[in-house]
Amino acid sequence: YRSLEDTTGTNGEASLEFDSAGAKKVVATKSNSSSTNYHSDQVEVDIQRHTKRLKITPPNEKIEALNPASFTVTDQQTGRGIEGVKVDPESGESEETGRRGEAEIVFRKTGQKKVTASKSKTDTTEYLGAETTVRVREAPKKINIEGIPDEVSAGKQVMMRIRNHRGDPLPDATVKAVSRQEHQIVKTDGSGRVRLMLNEPGYYQISVSKEDFNSAEEQLRVQS
């Protein structure tokens, strides 16, 4: 460590700022005067590291598997971002935070996942780790609408089948049929089928939605 030096004031006090932790020797000396001889003295002191407690904050938006999620690591006391922190997710690759304390994490699997933050101690600072638990959802999947015609006569039943991105029937999906005169909401059955009875002429916007799926839309013209 570098050599430190300060001169005592009228009250006999001096201030030294150490740049590393550990056992340090402090020596006090004073030049002799014409009337006084001064004997030097020394003492050993144990310099402790500063302690910083980490805080890890997940993103506000939903976390989806295979999509990047930004975590922020800060000093719990000051709220400032900390660079060089290892962010280690369960079922994902660990990343280090940048200058603003942020790290992009990609989870490979869904479910409740623990994320830890840690940083090796330096000459002056010891970091106390942090952890948080987040829910990782499956990324939204595509919905396919089958059997919808371009146009149909008013009062005629329209039957559609809704499938997921794998081509399997999608039960309990919400189907909305909206026009200027009419608004219907129905659910698909266990086979992904749904029946609509559209009575008013005009253009209908057909939309299908379900949690964890991207919604799908089609337009249907109803003739008089």
C-alpha atoms as a PDB file:
ATOM      1  CA  TYR A   1       0.000   0.000   0.000  1.00  0.00           C
ATOM      2  CA  ARG A   2       1.127   3.554  -0.536  1.00  0.00           C
ATOM      3  CA  SER A   3       2.867   5.487   2.236  1.00  0.00           C
ATOM      4  CA  LEU A   4       0.595   7.882   4.128  1.00  0.00           C
ATOM      5  CA  GLU A   5       1.646  10.932   6.080  1.00  0.00           C
ATOM      6  CA  ASP A   6      -0.034  13.706   8.013  1.00  0.00           C
ATOM      7  CA  THR A   7       1.028  16.263  10.597  1.00  0.00           C
ATOM      8  CA  THR A   8      -0.737  16.664  13.920  1.00  0.00           C
ATOM      9  CA  GLY A   9      -2.529  19.895  14.676  1.00  0.00           C
ATOM     10  CA  THR A  10      -2.596  21.891  17.894  1.00  0.00           C
ATOM     11  CA  ASN A  11      -4.767  19.210  19.472  1.00  0.00           C
ATOM     12  CA  GLY A  12      -2.302  16.461  18.585  1.00  0.00           C
ATOM     13  CA  GLU A  13      -4.607  14.807  16.039  1.00  0.00           C
ATOM     14  CA  ALA A  14      -3.801  13.660  12.512  1.00  0.00           C
ATOM     15  CA  SER A  15      -5.957  11.982   9.862  1.00  0.00           C
ATOM     16  CA  LEU A  16      -4.842   9.095   7.639  1.00  0.00           C
ATOM     17  CA  GLU A  17      -6.924   7.502   4.858  1.00  0.00           C
ATOM     18  CA  PHE A  18      -5.833   3.938   4.071  1.00  0.00           C
ATOM     19  CA  ASP A  19      -6.318   2.573   0.568  1.00  0.00           C
ATOM     20  CA  SER A  20      -6.459  -1.100   1.540  1.00  0.00           C
ATOM     21  CA  ALA A  21      -7.542  -3.323   4.421  1.00  0.00           C
ATOM     22  CA  GLY A  22      -5.376  -5.368   6.736  1.00  0.00           C
ATOM     23  CA  ALA A  23      -2.787  -4.871   9.501  1.00  0.00           C
ATOM     24  CA  LYS A  24      -0.993  -1.519   9.192  1.00  0.00           C
ATOM     25  CA  LYS A  25       1.868   0.016  11.144  1.00  0.00           C
ATOM     26  CA  VAL A  26       1.556   3.666  12.100  1.00  0.00           C
ATOM     27  CA  VAL A  27       4.728   5.480  13.235  1.00  0.00           C
ATOM     28  CA  ALA A  28       4.822   8.864  14.977  1.00  0.00           C
ATOM     29  CA  THR A  29       8.036  10.898  14.819  1.00  0.00           C
ATOM     30  CA  LYS A  30       9.041  14.463  15.519  1.00  0.00           C
ATOM     31  CA  SER A  31      12.355  16.196  14.972  1.00  0.00           C
ATOM     32  CA  ASN A  32      14.262  17.169  18.070  1.00  0.00           C
ATOM     33  CA  SER A  33      14.402  20.801  19.069  1.00  0.00           C
ATOM     34  CA  SER A  34      17.208  22.660  20.846  1.00  0.00           C
ATOM     35  CA  SER A  35      15.571  21.945  24.177  1.00  0.00           C
ATOM     36  CA  THR A  36      13.656  18.701  23.613  1.00  0.00           C
ATOM     37  CA  ASN A  37      14.429  15.267  22.318  1.00  0.00           C
ATOM     38  CA  TYR A  38      11.466  13.289  20.898  1.00  0.00           C
ATOM     39  CA  HIS A  39      11.354   9.507  20.846  1.00  0.00           C
ATOM     40  CA  SER A  40       9.336   7.931  18.059  1.00  0.00           C
ATOM     41  CA  ASP A  41       6.463   5.539  18.768  1.00  0.00           C
ATOM     42  CA  GLN A  42       4.480   3.109  16.667  1.00  0.00           C
ATOM     43  CA  VAL A  43       1.266   1.149  16.802  1.00  0.00           C
ATOM     44  CA  GLU A  44      -0.328  -1.555  14.647  1.00  0.00           C
ATOM     45  CA  VAL A  45      -3.928  -1.089  13.559  1.00  0.00           C
ATOM     46  CA  ASP A  46      -6.285  -3.455  11.771  1.00  0.00           C
ATOM     47  CA  ILE A  47      -8.016  -1.654   8.885  1.00  0.00           C
ATOM     48  CA  GLN A  48     -11.414  -3.115   8.032  1.00  0.00           C
ATOM     49  CA  ARG A  49     -12.992  -3.022   4.579  1.00  0.00           C
ATOM     50  CA  HIS A  50     -16.040  -0.882   3.884  1.00  0.00           C
ATOM     51  CA  THR A  51     -19.154  -3.068   3.709  1.00  0.00           C
ATOM     52  CA  LYS A  52     -21.711  -2.620   0.939  1.00  0.00           C
ATOM     53  CA  ARG A  53     -24.910  -4.615   0.842  1.00  0.00           C
ATOM     54  CA  LEU A  54     -26.130  -5.433  -2.649  1.00  0.00           C
ATOM     55  CA  LYS A  55     -29.744  -5.109  -3.747  1.00  0.00           C
ATOM     56  CA  ILE A  56     -31.012  -6.854  -6.868  1.00  0.00           C
ATOM     57  CA  THR A  57     -34.150  -5.595  -8.601  1.00  0.00           C
ATOM     58  CA  PRO A  58     -35.975  -7.574 -11.329  1.00  0.00           C
ATOM     59  CA  PRO A  59     -37.674  -5.877 -14.308  1.00  0.00           C
ATOM     60  CA  ASN A  60     -41.204  -4.505 -13.905  1.00  0.00           C
ATOM     61  CA  GLU A  61     -42.541  -6.343 -16.942  1.00  0.00           C
ATOM     62  CA  LYS A  62     -43.275 -10.064 -17.163  1.00  0.00           C
ATOM     63  CA  ILE A  63     -40.236 -12.310 -17.546  1.00  0.00           C
ATOM     64  CA  GLU A  64     -40.457 -14.798 -20.394  1.00  0.00           C
ATOM     65  CA  ALA A  65     -38.284 -17.820 -21.080  1.00  0.00           C
ATOM     66  CA  LEU A  66     -35.688 -17.342 -23.846  1.00  0.00           C
ATOM     67  CA  ASN A  67     -36.239 -13.557 -23.887  1.00  0.00           C
ATOM     68  CA  PRO A  68     -33.719 -11.153 -22.241  1.00  0.00           C
ATOM     69  CA  ALA A  69     -34.746  -9.673 -18.877  1.00  0.00           C
ATOM     70  CA  SER A  70     -32.871  -6.711 -17.369  1.00  0.00           C
ATOM     71  CA  PHE A  71     -31.890  -6.932 -13.682  1.00  0.00           C
ATOM     72  CA  THR A  72     -30.374  -4.005 -11.772  1.00  0.00           C
ATOM     73  CA  VAL A  73     -27.921  -4.313  -8.867  1.00  0.00           C
ATOM     74  CA  THR A  74     -27.454  -1.321  -6.569  1.00  0.00           C
ATOM     75  CA  ASP A  75     -25.885  -0.345  -3.274  1.00  0.00           C
ATOM     76  CA  GLN A  76     -28.744  -0.864  -0.818  1.00  0.00           C
ATOM     77  CA  GLN A  77     -27.776   2.254   1.134  1.00  0.00           C
ATOM     78  CA  THR A  78     -27.138   4.750  -1.663  1.00  0.00           C
ATOM     79  CA  GLY A  79     -29.209   3.250  -4.495  1.00  0.00           C
ATOM     80  CA  ARG A  80     -26.312   3.610  -6.941  1.00  0.00           C
ATOM     81  CA  GLY A  81     -25.700   0.945  -9.570  1.00  0.00           C
ATOM     82  CA  ILE A  82     -22.666  -1.281  -9.011  1.00  0.00           C
ATOM     83  CA  GLU A  83     -20.493  -2.456 -11.878  1.00  0.00           C
ATOM     84  CA  GLY A  84     -18.884  -5.884 -12.078  1.00  0.00           C
ATOM     85  CA  VAL A  85     -21.488  -7.782 -10.053  1.00  0.00           C
ATOM     86  CA  LYS A  86     -22.078 -11.400 -11.035  1.00  0.00           C
ATOM     87  CA  VAL A  87     -25.798 -12.011 -11.591  1.00  0.00           C
ATOM     88  CA  ASP A  88     -26.407 -15.752 -11.498  1.00  0.00           C
ATOM     89  CA  PRO A  89     -29.857 -17.082 -12.483  1.00  0.00           C
ATOM     90  CA  GLU A  90     -31.273 -20.514 -11.880  1.00  0.00           C
ATOM     91  CA  SER A  91     -31.604 -22.205 -15.312  1.00  0.00           C
ATOM     92  CA  GLY A  92     -29.675 -19.512 -17.192  1.00  0.00           C
ATOM     93  CA  GLU A  93     -26.212 -18.124 -17.920  1.00  0.00           C
ATOM     94  CA  SER A  94     -24.631 -15.739 -15.407  1.00  0.00           C
ATOM     95  CA  GLU A  95     -23.783 -12.197 -16.524  1.00  0.00           C
ATOM     96  CA  GLU A  96     -21.865  -9.234 -15.054  1.00  0.00           C
ATOM     97  CA  THR A  97     -23.425  -5.835 -14.511  1.00  0.00           C
ATOM     98  CA  GLY A  98     -22.272  -2.837 -16.541  1.00  0.00           C
ATOM     99  CA  ARG A  99     -21.560   0.703 -15.392  1.00  0.00           C
ATOM    100  CA  ARG A 100     -25.171   1.363 -14.428  1.00  0.00           C
ATOM    101  CA  GLY A 101     -25.492  -1.907 -12.528  1.00  0.00           C
ATOM    102  CA  GLU A 102     -27.627  -3.629 -15.181  1.00  0.00           C
ATOM    103  CA  ALA A 103     -27.329  -7.159 -16.564  1.00  0.00           C
ATOM    104  CA  GLU A 104     -29.391  -8.919 -19.251  1.00  0.00           C
ATOM    105  CA  ILE A 105     -30.422 -12.412 -18.182  1.00  0.00           C
ATOM    106  CA  VAL A 106     -31.991 -15.126 -20.344  1.00  0.00           C
ATOM    107  CA  PHE A 107     -33.817 -17.965 -18.600  1.00  0.00           C
ATOM    108  CA  ARG A 108     -33.982 -21.316 -20.354  1.00  0.00           C
ATOM    109  CA  LYS A 109     -36.901 -22.727 -18.351  1.00  0.00           C
ATOM    110  CA  THR A 110     -40.192 -21.528 -16.878  1.00  0.00           C
ATOM    111  CA  GLY A 111     -41.304 -21.484 -13.245  1.00  0.00           C
ATOM    112  CA  GLN A 112     -40.130 -19.868 -10.011  1.00  0.00           C
ATOM    113  CA  LYS A 113     -36.412 -19.087 -10.387  1.00  0.00           C
ATOM    114  CA  LYS A 114     -33.879 -17.724  -7.911  1.00  0.00           C
ATOM    115  CA  VAL A 115     -31.417 -15.040  -9.020  1.00  0.00           C
ATOM    116  CA  THR A 116     -28.350 -14.176  -6.911  1.00  0.00           C
ATOM    117  CA  ALA A 117     -25.995 -11.186  -7.036  1.00  0.00           C
ATOM    118  CA  SER A 118     -22.414 -11.376  -5.766  1.00  0.00           C
ATOM    119  CA  LYS A 119     -19.170  -9.439  -6.105  1.00  0.00           C
ATOM    120  CA  SER A 120     -15.666 -10.337  -4.941  1.00  0.00           C
ATOM    121  CA  LYS A 121     -14.169  -8.145  -2.247  1.00  0.00           C
ATOM    122  CA  THR A 122     -11.597  -5.526  -3.195  1.00  0.00           C
ATOM    123  CA  ASP A 123      -8.748  -3.960  -1.192  1.00  0.00           C
ATOM    124  CA  THR A 124     -11.194  -1.469   0.299  1.00  0.00           C
ATOM    125  CA  THR A 125     -14.701  -2.948   0.056  1.00  0.00           C
ATOM    126  CA  GLU A 126     -16.535  -6.134   0.967  1.00  0.00           C
ATOM    127  CA  TYR A 127     -19.841  -6.835  -0.764  1.00  0.00           C
ATOM    128  CA  LEU A 128     -22.728  -8.665   0.885  1.00  0.00           C
ATOM    129  CA  GLY A 129     -24.687 -10.654  -1.692  1.00  0.00           C
ATOM    130  CA  ALA A 130     -28.374 -10.461  -2.506  1.00  0.00           C
ATOM    131  CA  GLU A 131     -30.996 -12.680  -4.083  1.00  0.00           C
ATOM    132  CA  THR A 132     -34.518 -12.498  -5.428  1.00  0.00           C
ATOM    133  CA  THR A 133     -37.076 -14.962  -6.779  1.00  0.00           C
ATOM    134  CA  VAL A 134     -38.961 -14.331 -10.006  1.00  0.00           C
ATOM    135  CA  ARG A 135     -41.611 -16.122 -12.014  1.00  0.00           C
ATOM    136  CA  VAL A 136     -40.546 -17.016 -15.537  1.00  0.00           C
ATOM    137  CA  ARG A 137     -43.398 -17.493 -17.974  1.00  0.00           C
ATOM    138  CA  GLU A 138     -43.433 -19.276 -21.277  1.00  0.00           C
ATOM    139  CA  ALA A 139     -43.089 -16.805 -24.136  1.00  0.00           C
ATOM    140  CA  PRO A 140     -46.397 -15.975 -25.851  1.00  0.00           C
ATOM    141  CA  LYS A 141     -47.330 -18.406 -28.578  1.00  0.00           C
ATOM    142  CA  LYS A 142     -49.158 -17.956 -31.838  1.00  0.00           C
ATOM    143  CA  ILE A 143     -52.888 -18.599 -32.240  1.00  0.00           C
ATOM    144  CA  ASN A 144     -54.250 -19.898 -35.552  1.00  0.00           C
ATOM    145  CA  ILE A 145     -57.867 -19.386 -36.678  1.00  0.00           C
ATOM    146  CA  GLU A 146     -59.245 -22.064 -38.994  1.00  0.00           C
ATOM    147  CA  GLY A 147     -62.471 -22.230 -40.967  1.00  0.00           C
ATOM    148  CA  ILE A 148     -63.368 -18.540 -41.042  1.00  0.00           C
ATOM    149  CA  PRO A 149     -64.874 -17.493 -44.411  1.00  0.00           C
ATOM    150  CA  ASP A 150     -64.307 -14.134 -46.084  1.00  0.00           C
ATOM    151  CA  GLU A 151     -68.047 -13.437 -45.993  1.00  0.00           C
ATOM    152  CA  VAL A 152     -71.272 -14.999 -44.772  1.00  0.00           C
ATOM    153  CA  SER A 153     -74.999 -14.239 -44.856  1.00  0.00           C
ATOM    154  CA  ALA A 154     -76.614 -12.607 -41.837  1.00  0.00           C
ATOM    155  CA  GLY A 155     -78.144 -15.109 -39.446  1.00  0.00           C
ATOM    156  CA  LYS A 156     -76.029 -17.972 -40.715  1.00  0.00           C
ATOM    157  CA  GLN A 157     -73.936 -19.867 -38.195  1.00  0.00           C
ATOM    158  CA  VAL A 158     -70.168 -19.575 -38.512  1.00  0.00           C
ATOM    159  CA  MET A 159     -68.042 -22.386 -37.058  1.00  0.00           C
ATOM    160  CA  MET A 160     -64.336 -21.923 -36.500  1.00  0.00           C
ATOM    161  CA  ARG A 161     -61.585 -23.987 -34.916  1.00  0.00           C
ATOM    162  CA  ILE A 162     -58.775 -22.421 -32.935  1.00  0.00           C
ATOM    163  CA  ARG A 163     -55.370 -24.082 -32.761  1.00  0.00           C
ATOM    164  CA  ASN A 164     -52.101 -23.265 -31.003  1.00  0.00           C
ATOM    165  CA  HIS A 165     -48.631 -22.845 -32.514  1.00  0.00           C
ATOM    166  CA  ARG A 166     -48.155 -26.621 -32.557  1.00  0.00           C
ATOM    167  CA  GLY A 167     -51.426 -27.236 -34.400  1.00  0.00           C
ATOM    168  CA  ASP A 168     -53.217 -28.614 -31.337  1.00  0.00           C
ATOM    169  CA  PRO A 169     -56.796 -27.512 -30.491  1.00  0.00           C
ATOM    170  CA  LEU A 170     -56.860 -24.540 -28.103  1.00  0.00           C
ATOM    171  CA  PRO A 171     -59.672 -24.871 -25.518  1.00  0.00           C
ATOM    172  CA  ASP A 172     -61.044 -22.024 -23.359  1.00  0.00           C
ATOM    173  CA  ALA A 173     -59.793 -19.280 -25.674  1.00  0.00           C
ATOM    174  CA  THR A 174     -61.799 -16.048 -25.782  1.00  0.00           C
ATOM    175  CA  VAL A 175     -63.331 -15.229 -29.168  1.00  0.00           C
ATOM    176  CA  LYS A 176     -64.750 -11.743 -29.780  1.00  0.00           C
ATOM    177  CA  ALA A 177     -66.842 -10.710 -32.768  1.00  0.00           C
ATOM    178  CA  VAL A 178     -67.272  -6.936 -32.949  1.00  0.00           C
ATOM    179  CA  SER A 179     -69.093  -4.751 -35.459  1.00  0.00           C
ATOM    180  CA  ARG A 180     -70.743  -1.350 -35.231  1.00  0.00           C
ATOM    181  CA  GLN A 181     -74.075  -2.938 -34.335  1.00  0.00           C
ATOM    182  CA  GLU A 182     -73.098  -6.092 -32.481  1.00  0.00           C
ATOM    183  CA  HIS A 183     -70.591  -7.385 -29.904  1.00  0.00           C
ATOM    184  CA  GLN A 184     -70.293 -11.088 -29.044  1.00  0.00           C
ATOM    185  CA  ILE A 185     -67.895 -12.905 -26.696  1.00  0.00           C
ATOM    186  CA  VAL A 186     -67.695 -16.696 -26.572  1.00  0.00           C
ATOM    187  CA  LYS A 187     -65.229 -19.388 -25.456  1.00  0.00           C
ATOM    188  CA  THR A 188     -63.817 -22.300 -27.431  1.00  0.00           C
ATOM    189  CA  ASP A 189     -64.809 -25.787 -26.303  1.00  0.00           C
ATOM    190  CA  GLY A 190     -62.474 -28.639 -25.385  1.00  0.00           C
ATOM    191  CA  SER A 191     -61.772 -29.280 -29.074  1.00  0.00           C
ATOM    192  CA  GLY A 192     -60.949 -25.650 -29.822  1.00  0.00           C
ATOM    193  CA  ARG A 193     -64.219 -25.157 -31.707  1.00  0.00           C
ATOM    194  CA  VAL A 194     -66.505 -22.153 -31.470  1.00  0.00           C
ATOM    195  CA  ARG A 195     -69.800 -21.183 -33.137  1.00  0.00           C
ATOM    196  CA  LEU A 196     -70.955 -17.640 -33.868  1.00  0.00           C
ATOM    197  CA  MET A 197     -74.347 -16.429 -35.018  1.00  0.00           C
ATOM    198  CA  LEU A 198     -73.831 -13.014 -36.655  1.00  0.00           C
ATOM    199  CA  ASN A 199     -77.144 -11.297 -37.291  1.00  0.00           C
ATOM    200  CA  GLU A 200     -76.273  -7.796 -38.402  1.00  0.00           C
ATOM    201  CA  PRO A 201     -74.868  -6.962 -41.867  1.00  0.00           C
ATOM    202  CA  GLY A 202     -71.476  -5.282 -41.971  1.00  0.00           C
ATOM    203  CA  TYR A 203     -67.844  -5.973 -41.192  1.00  0.00           C
ATOM    204  CA  TYR A 204     -66.912  -7.904 -38.037  1.00  0.00           C
ATOM    205  CA  GLN A 205     -63.494  -7.956 -36.398  1.00  0.00           C
ATOM    206  CA  ILE A 206     -62.879 -11.457 -35.095  1.00  0.00           C
ATOM    207  CA  SER A 207     -60.210 -11.638 -32.372  1.00  0.00           C
ATOM    208  CA  VAL A 208     -58.980 -14.621 -30.355  1.00  0.00           C
ATOM    209  CA  SER A 209     -56.970 -14.358 -27.150  1.00  0.00           C
ATOM    210  CA  LYS A 210     -55.716 -16.486 -24.294  1.00  0.00           C
ATOM    211  CA  GLU A 211     -53.178 -15.925 -21.523  1.00  0.00           C
ATOM    212  CA  ASP A 212     -49.562 -16.624 -22.589  1.00  0.00           C
ATOM    213  CA  PHE A 213     -50.581 -16.538 -26.282  1.00  0.00           C
ATOM    214  CA  ASN A 214     -50.298 -13.793 -28.872  1.00  0.00           C
ATOM    215  CA  SER A 215     -53.783 -12.762 -29.936  1.00  0.00           C
ATOM    216  CA  ALA A 216     -54.989 -13.350 -33.510  1.00  0.00           C
ATOM    217  CA  GLU A 217     -57.397 -11.298 -35.612  1.00  0.00           C
ATOM    218  CA  GLU A 218     -59.406 -11.796 -38.796  1.00  0.00           C
ATOM    219  CA  GLN A 219     -62.062  -9.762 -40.574  1.00  0.00           C
ATOM    220  CA  LEU A 220     -65.406 -11.190 -41.705  1.00  0.00           C
ATOM    221  CA  ARG A 221     -68.055  -9.559 -43.893  1.00  0.00           C
ATOM    222  CA  VAL A 222     -71.697 -10.320 -43.138  1.00  0.00           C
ATOM    223  CA  GLN A 223     -74.112  -9.745 -46.024  1.00  0.00           C
ATOM    224  CA  SER A 224     -77.801  -8.908 -45.676  1.00  0.00           C
END
